[in-house]
Amino acid sequence: MKTLTTTYSLALVGLLVLTACAGASTTPVTSSVPSVETSAPQVESSTTPSAQVSSNPPSSPTSSVHSPASSVDGPGIIEVQPGSERPLHLTDAYDASSMWKEGSFQAVTLDPSQAIGAELGCASHAALEFRFSNTDGTFRAEVAQDINSASSSNTLEWSMLVDGQRTETEPIAFKETAEFSTPLAGVAVVRLETKISGKCQKGATALITSAKIEG
């Protein structure tokens, strides 16, 4: 009986020891070492492209608007058919300065009419040039002073040059007129020039009251 009791006691002690060990093994162990993030951090890509710095300035875009080239043709070469008559206007003239205007003027002895006029100062002069090609007619021009000239005391000196050669010179006083004419066979250029000659008072308005080609 004593032996059985001792055996039972040993078995009970062994059971308690096993139970204690089993309970101790189920207790979680808390680690003091922090957990390490194993996944690499995601870098958010920027949607804004980085600016590129260039040492050269950007080239200007080619303009679609082109500056008009300077005209070398002028008013055009005047041609007249035989037997016809062609009036000449300021738009037909070369070397026409801004002094010349075409419009309504009145020569001293004539009624108001269409004419080509230039206001002259005491030190100025004016010229008009007409160019021709294969024309066999006759150039004719009539000149005068305008009744509204700055002074009635001036004398205008008119000259005609044909292909660079002075062929006629006519001085006209306030009330006077003059006429120029030249055959055009073989002629390329007819030029009319005018200025105030002698003593000058204020100025004058020179008029070409008529200019035409008779074929």
C-alpha atoms as a PDB file:
ATOM      1  CA  MET A   1       0.000   0.000   0.000  1.00  0.00           C
ATOM      2  CA  LYS A   2       2.833   2.334   0.804  1.00  0.00           C
ATOM      3  CA  THR A   3       4.462   1.464  -2.491  1.00  0.00           C
ATOM      4  CA  LEU A   4       1.354   2.274  -4.504  1.00  0.00           C
ATOM      5  CA  THR A   5       1.010   5.617  -2.837  1.00  0.00           C
ATOM      6  CA  THR A   6       4.585   6.523  -3.572  1.00  0.00           C
ATOM      7  CA  THR A   7       4.186   5.521  -7.210  1.00  0.00           C
ATOM      8  CA  TYR A   8       1.045   7.593  -7.544  1.00  0.00           C
ATOM      9  CA  SER A   9       2.757  10.589  -6.022  1.00  0.00           C
ATOM     10  CA  LEU A  10       5.641  10.365  -8.459  1.00  0.00           C
ATOM     11  CA  ALA A  11       3.266  10.125 -11.371  1.00  0.00           C
ATOM     12  CA  LEU A  12       1.368  13.151 -10.150  1.00  0.00           C
ATOM     13  CA  VAL A  13       4.583  15.155  -9.785  1.00  0.00           C
ATOM     14  CA  GLY A  14       5.655  14.173 -13.314  1.00  0.00           C
ATOM     15  CA  LEU A  15       2.282  15.257 -14.666  1.00  0.00           C
ATOM     16  CA  LEU A  16       2.538  18.623 -12.940  1.00  0.00           C
ATOM     17  CA  VAL A  17       6.041  19.135 -14.319  1.00  0.00           C
ATOM     18  CA  LEU A  18       4.906  18.333 -17.858  1.00  0.00           C
ATOM     19  CA  THR A  19       1.931  20.643 -17.503  1.00  0.00           C
ATOM     20  CA  ALA A  20       4.169  23.454 -16.283  1.00  0.00           C
ATOM     21  CA  CYS A  21       6.597  22.992 -19.124  1.00  0.00           C
ATOM     22  CA  ALA A  22       3.804  22.887 -21.645  1.00  0.00           C
ATOM     23  CA  GLY A  23       2.321  26.117 -20.241  1.00  0.00           C
ATOM     24  CA  ALA A  24       5.696  27.830 -20.335  1.00  0.00           C
ATOM     25  CA  SER A  25       6.228  26.935 -24.009  1.00  0.00           C
ATOM     26  CA  THR A  26       2.938  28.562 -25.077  1.00  0.00           C
ATOM     27  CA  THR A  27       3.905  31.940 -23.653  1.00  0.00           C
ATOM     28  CA  PRO A  28       4.795  34.249 -26.634  1.00  0.00           C
ATOM     29  CA  VAL A  29       8.254  35.808 -26.616  1.00  0.00           C
ATOM     30  CA  THR A  30       8.221  39.506 -27.306  1.00  0.00           C
ATOM     31  CA  SER A  31      11.228  40.636 -29.299  1.00  0.00           C
ATOM     32  CA  SER A  32      12.737  44.046 -28.597  1.00  0.00           C
ATOM     33  CA  VAL A  33      14.153  44.258 -32.140  1.00  0.00           C
ATOM     34  CA  PRO A  34      11.853  46.343 -34.426  1.00  0.00           C
ATOM     35  CA  SER A  35      10.588  44.693 -37.521  1.00  0.00           C
ATOM     36  CA  VAL A  36      12.324  45.703 -40.760  1.00  0.00           C
ATOM     37  CA  GLU A  37      10.241  46.754 -43.783  1.00  0.00           C
ATOM     38  CA  THR A  38      11.283  44.390 -46.484  1.00  0.00           C
ATOM     39  CA  SER A  39       9.521  46.037 -49.411  1.00  0.00           C
ATOM     40  CA  ALA A  40      11.340  48.909 -51.125  1.00  0.00           C
ATOM     41  CA  PRO A  41       9.572  52.276 -50.892  1.00  0.00           C
ATOM     42  CA  GLN A  42       7.647  53.237 -54.003  1.00  0.00           C
ATOM     43  CA  VAL A  43       8.951  56.417 -55.706  1.00  0.00           C
ATOM     44  CA  GLU A  44       6.159  58.408 -57.291  1.00  0.00           C
ATOM     45  CA  SER A  45       7.177  59.525 -60.770  1.00  0.00           C
ATOM     46  CA  SER A  46       6.530  63.141 -61.648  1.00  0.00           C
ATOM     47  CA  THR A  47       4.302  63.830 -64.596  1.00  0.00           C
ATOM     48  CA  THR A  48       5.957  67.230 -65.211  1.00  0.00           C
ATOM     49  CA  PRO A  49       8.921  66.892 -67.601  1.00  0.00           C
ATOM     50  CA  SER A  50      12.133  68.473 -66.422  1.00  0.00           C
ATOM     51  CA  ALA A  51      13.112  71.697 -68.210  1.00  0.00           C
ATOM     52  CA  GLN A  52      16.087  71.476 -70.526  1.00  0.00           C
ATOM     53  CA  VAL A  53      18.357  74.510 -70.536  1.00  0.00           C
ATOM     54  CA  SER A  54      19.935  75.286 -73.879  1.00  0.00           C
ATOM     55  CA  SER A  55      22.883  77.569 -74.315  1.00  0.00           C
ATOM     56  CA  ASN A  56      21.536  78.662 -77.709  1.00  0.00           C
ATOM     57  CA  PRO A  57      18.427  80.875 -77.932  1.00  0.00           C
ATOM     58  CA  PRO A  58      15.470  79.315 -79.732  1.00  0.00           C
ATOM     59  CA  SER A  59      15.367  80.110 -83.381  1.00  0.00           C
ATOM     60  CA  SER A  60      12.549  82.325 -84.580  1.00  0.00           C
ATOM     61  CA  PRO A  61       9.901  80.560 -86.635  1.00  0.00           C
ATOM     62  CA  THR A  62       9.884  81.324 -90.311  1.00  0.00           C
ATOM     63  CA  SER A  63       7.270  83.930 -91.072  1.00  0.00           C
ATOM     64  CA  SER A  64       4.751  83.134 -93.742  1.00  0.00           C
ATOM     65  CA  VAL A  65       4.456  86.814 -94.579  1.00  0.00           C
ATOM     66  CA  HIS A  66       6.993  87.956 -97.083  1.00  0.00           C
ATOM     67  CA  SER A  67       7.956  91.588 -97.581  1.00  0.00           C
ATOM     68  CA  PRO A  68       7.142  92.639-101.080  1.00  0.00           C
ATOM     69  CA  ALA A  69      10.185  92.979-103.292  1.00  0.00           C
ATOM     70  CA  SER A  70      10.980  96.424-104.604  1.00  0.00           C
ATOM     71  CA  SER A  71       9.517  96.954-108.033  1.00  0.00           C
ATOM     72  CA  VAL A  72      12.033  97.602-110.780  1.00  0.00           C
ATOM     73  CA  ASP A  73       9.458  97.898-113.541  1.00  0.00           C
ATOM     74  CA  GLY A  74       8.238 101.414-112.717  1.00  0.00           C
ATOM     75  CA  PRO A  75       5.098 102.770-114.408  1.00  0.00           C
ATOM     76  CA  GLY A  76       5.736 100.746-117.553  1.00  0.00           C
ATOM     77  CA  ILE A  77       6.983 101.405-121.065  1.00  0.00           C
ATOM     78  CA  ILE A  78       4.588 103.544-123.136  1.00  0.00           C
ATOM     79  CA  GLU A  79       3.627 102.182-126.546  1.00  0.00           C
ATOM     80  CA  VAL A  80       1.288 103.955-128.977  1.00  0.00           C
ATOM     81  CA  GLN A  81      -0.199 102.486-132.128  1.00  0.00           C
ATOM     82  CA  PRO A  82       0.081 104.544-135.343  1.00  0.00           C
ATOM     83  CA  GLY A  83      -2.873 106.896-135.831  1.00  0.00           C
ATOM     84  CA  SER A  84      -3.902 106.820-132.164  1.00  0.00           C
ATOM     85  CA  GLU A  85      -3.544 109.387-129.382  1.00  0.00           C
ATOM     86  CA  ARG A  86      -2.507 108.560-125.845  1.00  0.00           C
ATOM     87  CA  PRO A  87      -2.811 111.077-122.983  1.00  0.00           C
ATOM     88  CA  LEU A  88      -0.076 110.896-120.346  1.00  0.00           C
ATOM     89  CA  HIS A  89      -0.682 111.031-116.604  1.00  0.00           C
ATOM     90  CA  LEU A  90       1.440 111.263-113.482  1.00  0.00           C
ATOM     91  CA  THR A  91       1.210 107.473-113.117  1.00  0.00           C
ATOM     92  CA  ASP A  92       3.000 107.150-116.489  1.00  0.00           C
ATOM     93  CA  ALA A  93       6.021 109.126-115.288  1.00  0.00           C
ATOM     94  CA  TYR A  94       9.321 107.951-113.845  1.00  0.00           C
ATOM     95  CA  ASP A  95      11.398 109.914-111.341  1.00  0.00           C
ATOM     96  CA  ALA A  96       8.292 111.715-110.090  1.00  0.00           C
ATOM     97  CA  SER A  97       8.977 113.240-106.670  1.00  0.00           C
ATOM     98  CA  SER A  98       6.273 113.913-104.097  1.00  0.00           C
ATOM     99  CA  MET A  99       6.239 117.529-105.266  1.00  0.00           C
ATOM    100  CA  TRP A 100       4.042 116.504-108.204  1.00  0.00           C
ATOM    101  CA  LYS A 101       0.279 116.123-107.848  1.00  0.00           C
ATOM    102  CA  GLU A 102      -2.358 115.376-110.473  1.00  0.00           C
ATOM    103  CA  GLY A 103      -5.750 116.973-110.087  1.00  0.00           C
ATOM    104  CA  SER A 104      -7.767 120.106-110.816  1.00  0.00           C
ATOM    105  CA  PHE A 105      -5.607 123.210-111.396  1.00  0.00           C
ATOM    106  CA  GLN A 106      -6.143 126.493-113.194  1.00  0.00           C
ATOM    107  CA  ALA A 107      -3.541 128.062-115.400  1.00  0.00           C
ATOM    108  CA  VAL A 108      -3.658 131.865-115.468  1.00  0.00           C
ATOM    109  CA  THR A 109      -5.205 132.124-118.933  1.00  0.00           C
ATOM    110  CA  LEU A 110      -7.251 128.876-118.870  1.00  0.00           C
ATOM    111  CA  ASP A 111     -10.306 127.437-117.160  1.00  0.00           C
ATOM    112  CA  PRO A 112      -9.843 124.919-114.309  1.00  0.00           C
ATOM    113  CA  SER A 113      -8.916 121.504-115.722  1.00  0.00           C
ATOM    114  CA  GLN A 114      -7.040 118.302-115.029  1.00  0.00           C
ATOM    115  CA  ALA A 115      -3.297 118.964-114.882  1.00  0.00           C
ATOM    116  CA  ILE A 116      -0.052 117.832-113.262  1.00  0.00           C
ATOM    117  CA  GLY A 117       1.349 120.434-110.857  1.00  0.00           C
ATOM    118  CA  ALA A 118       4.352 120.960-108.605  1.00  0.00           C
ATOM    119  CA  GLU A 119       4.882 123.646-105.961  1.00  0.00           C
ATOM    120  CA  LEU A 120       8.370 125.079-106.317  1.00  0.00           C
ATOM    121  CA  GLY A 121      10.409 126.931-103.740  1.00  0.00           C
ATOM    122  CA  CYS A 122      13.124 129.424-104.618  1.00  0.00           C
ATOM    123  CA  ALA A 123      15.845 126.751-104.456  1.00  0.00           C
ATOM    124  CA  SER A 124      13.921 123.718-105.716  1.00  0.00           C
ATOM    125  CA  HIS A 125      13.335 122.124-109.081  1.00  0.00           C
ATOM    126  CA  ALA A 126      11.052 119.354-110.364  1.00  0.00           C
ATOM    127  CA  ALA A 127      11.267 116.814-113.173  1.00  0.00           C
ATOM    128  CA  LEU A 128       9.148 114.163-114.860  1.00  0.00           C
ATOM    129  CA  GLU A 129      10.435 111.416-117.166  1.00  0.00           C
ATOM    130  CA  PHE A 130       8.494 109.383-119.730  1.00  0.00           C
ATOM    131  CA  ARG A 131       9.902 106.268-121.403  1.00  0.00           C
ATOM    132  CA  PHE A 132       8.961 104.780-124.759  1.00  0.00           C
ATOM    133  CA  SER A 133       9.553 101.671-126.839  1.00  0.00           C
ATOM    134  CA  ASN A 134       9.204 101.320-130.615  1.00  0.00           C
ATOM    135  CA  THR A 135       6.989 104.396-130.858  1.00  0.00           C
ATOM    136  CA  ASP A 136       6.950 106.448-134.050  1.00  0.00           C
ATOM    137  CA  GLY A 137       4.547 109.196-132.972  1.00  0.00           C
ATOM    138  CA  THR A 138       5.135 112.642-131.487  1.00  0.00           C
ATOM    139  CA  PHE A 139       5.416 113.721-127.880  1.00  0.00           C
ATOM    140  CA  ARG A 140       3.599 116.977-127.018  1.00  0.00           C
ATOM    141  CA  ALA A 141       3.359 118.862-123.714  1.00  0.00           C
ATOM    142  CA  GLU A 142       1.957 122.278-122.719  1.00  0.00           C
ATOM    143  CA  VAL A 143       3.151 124.072-119.572  1.00  0.00           C
ATOM    144  CA  ALA A 144       2.026 127.100-117.583  1.00  0.00           C
ATOM    145  CA  GLN A 145       1.902 128.654-114.089  1.00  0.00           C
ATOM    146  CA  ASP A 146      -1.005 128.156-111.724  1.00  0.00           C
ATOM    147  CA  ILE A 147      -3.145 131.193-110.883  1.00  0.00           C
ATOM    148  CA  ASN A 148      -2.822 130.280-107.186  1.00  0.00           C
ATOM    149  CA  SER A 149       0.986 130.394-107.166  1.00  0.00           C
ATOM    150  CA  ALA A 150       2.587 131.893-104.065  1.00  0.00           C
ATOM    151  CA  SER A 151       3.815 134.833-106.164  1.00  0.00           C
ATOM    152  CA  SER A 152       2.992 136.234-109.591  1.00  0.00           C
ATOM    153  CA  SER A 153       6.463 137.744-110.018  1.00  0.00           C
ATOM    154  CA  ASN A 154       8.412 134.581-110.816  1.00  0.00           C
ATOM    155  CA  THR A 155       9.652 133.247-114.131  1.00  0.00           C
ATOM    156  CA  LEU A 156       9.642 129.499-114.621  1.00  0.00           C
ATOM    157  CA  GLU A 157      12.365 127.940-116.744  1.00  0.00           C
ATOM    158  CA  TRP A 158      11.162 124.777-118.503  1.00  0.00           C
ATOM    159  CA  SER A 159      13.477 122.385-120.339  1.00  0.00           C
ATOM    160  CA  MET A 160      12.951 119.243-122.410  1.00  0.00           C
ATOM    161  CA  LEU A 161      15.647 116.571-122.604  1.00  0.00           C
ATOM    162  CA  VAL A 162      15.478 113.793-125.209  1.00  0.00           C
ATOM    163  CA  ASP A 163      17.617 110.756-124.417  1.00  0.00           C
ATOM    164  CA  GLY A 164      19.672 112.927-122.059  1.00  0.00           C
ATOM    165  CA  GLN A 165      20.210 115.793-124.499  1.00  0.00           C
ATOM    166  CA  ARG A 166      18.651 119.197-123.747  1.00  0.00           C
ATOM    167  CA  THR A 167      16.693 120.098-126.873  1.00  0.00           C
ATOM    168  CA  GLU A 168      14.563 123.054-125.765  1.00  0.00           C
ATOM    169  CA  THR A 169      14.432 125.581-122.930  1.00  0.00           C
ATOM    170  CA  GLU A 170      11.531 128.001-122.474  1.00  0.00           C
ATOM    171  CA  PRO A 171      11.156 130.704-119.756  1.00  0.00           C
ATOM    172  CA  ILE A 172       7.532 131.637-119.013  1.00  0.00           C
ATOM    173  CA  ALA A 173       6.198 134.498-116.898  1.00  0.00           C
ATOM    174  CA  PHE A 174       3.035 134.313-114.801  1.00  0.00           C
ATOM    175  CA  LYS A 175       0.583 134.724-117.699  1.00  0.00           C
ATOM    176  CA  GLU A 176       2.564 132.857-120.343  1.00  0.00           C
ATOM    177  CA  THR A 177       2.439 129.269-121.598  1.00  0.00           C
ATOM    178  CA  ALA A 178       4.802 127.151-123.678  1.00  0.00           C
ATOM    179  CA  GLU A 179       4.615 123.997-125.777  1.00  0.00           C
ATOM    180  CA  PHE A 180       7.203 121.262-126.271  1.00  0.00           C
ATOM    181  CA  SER A 181       7.218 118.594-128.960  1.00  0.00           C
ATOM    182  CA  THR A 182       9.598 115.970-130.322  1.00  0.00           C
ATOM    183  CA  PRO A 183       9.392 112.992-132.701  1.00  0.00           C
ATOM    184  CA  LEU A 184       9.642 109.686-130.883  1.00  0.00           C
ATOM    185  CA  ALA A 185      11.165 107.527-133.632  1.00  0.00           C
ATOM    186  CA  GLY A 186      14.165 105.871-131.982  1.00  0.00           C
ATOM    187  CA  VAL A 187      13.615 107.806-128.729  1.00  0.00           C
ATOM    188  CA  ALA A 188      13.557 106.023-125.366  1.00  0.00           C
ATOM    189  CA  VAL A 189      13.311 108.883-122.817  1.00  0.00           C
ATOM    190  CA  VAL A 190      11.686 112.336-122.790  1.00  0.00           C
ATOM    191  CA  ARG A 191      12.235 114.378-119.622  1.00  0.00           C
ATOM    192  CA  LEU A 192      10.632 117.656-118.571  1.00  0.00           C
ATOM    193  CA  GLU A 193      12.373 119.817-115.945  1.00  0.00           C
ATOM    194  CA  THR A 194      11.385 123.126-114.363  1.00  0.00           C
ATOM    195  CA  LYS A 195      12.687 125.626-111.806  1.00  0.00           C
ATOM    196  CA  ILE A 196      12.344 129.291-110.883  1.00  0.00           C
ATOM    197  CA  SER A 197      14.931 131.365-112.692  1.00  0.00           C
ATOM    198  CA  GLY A 198      16.229 134.833-111.864  1.00  0.00           C
ATOM    199  CA  LYS A 199      14.929 136.684-108.840  1.00  0.00           C
ATOM    200  CA  CYS A 200      12.582 134.565-106.767  1.00  0.00           C
ATOM    201  CA  GLN A 201       9.625 135.761-104.706  1.00  0.00           C
ATOM    202  CA  LYS A 202       8.135 133.169-102.312  1.00  0.00           C
ATOM    203  CA  GLY A 203       7.576 130.407-104.891  1.00  0.00           C
ATOM    204  CA  ALA A 204       5.439 129.257-107.817  1.00  0.00           C
ATOM    205  CA  THR A 205       3.241 126.377-108.917  1.00  0.00           C
ATOM    206  CA  ALA A 206       4.377 124.851-112.208  1.00  0.00           C
ATOM    207  CA  LEU A 207       1.754 123.114-114.355  1.00  0.00           C
ATOM    208  CA  ILE A 208       1.833 120.580-117.161  1.00  0.00           C
ATOM    209  CA  THR A 209      -1.614 121.317-118.529  1.00  0.00           C
ATOM    210  CA  SER A 210      -1.408 118.711-121.281  1.00  0.00           C
ATOM    211  CA  ALA A 211       0.860 115.799-122.114  1.00  0.00           C
ATOM    212  CA  LYS A 212       0.146 113.255-124.833  1.00  0.00           C
ATOM    213  CA  ILE A 213       1.500 111.056-127.582  1.00  0.00           C
ATOM    214  CA  GLU A 214       0.149 111.426-131.102  1.00  0.00           C
ATOM    215  CA  GLY A 215       0.685 108.216-133.037  1.00  0.00           C
END
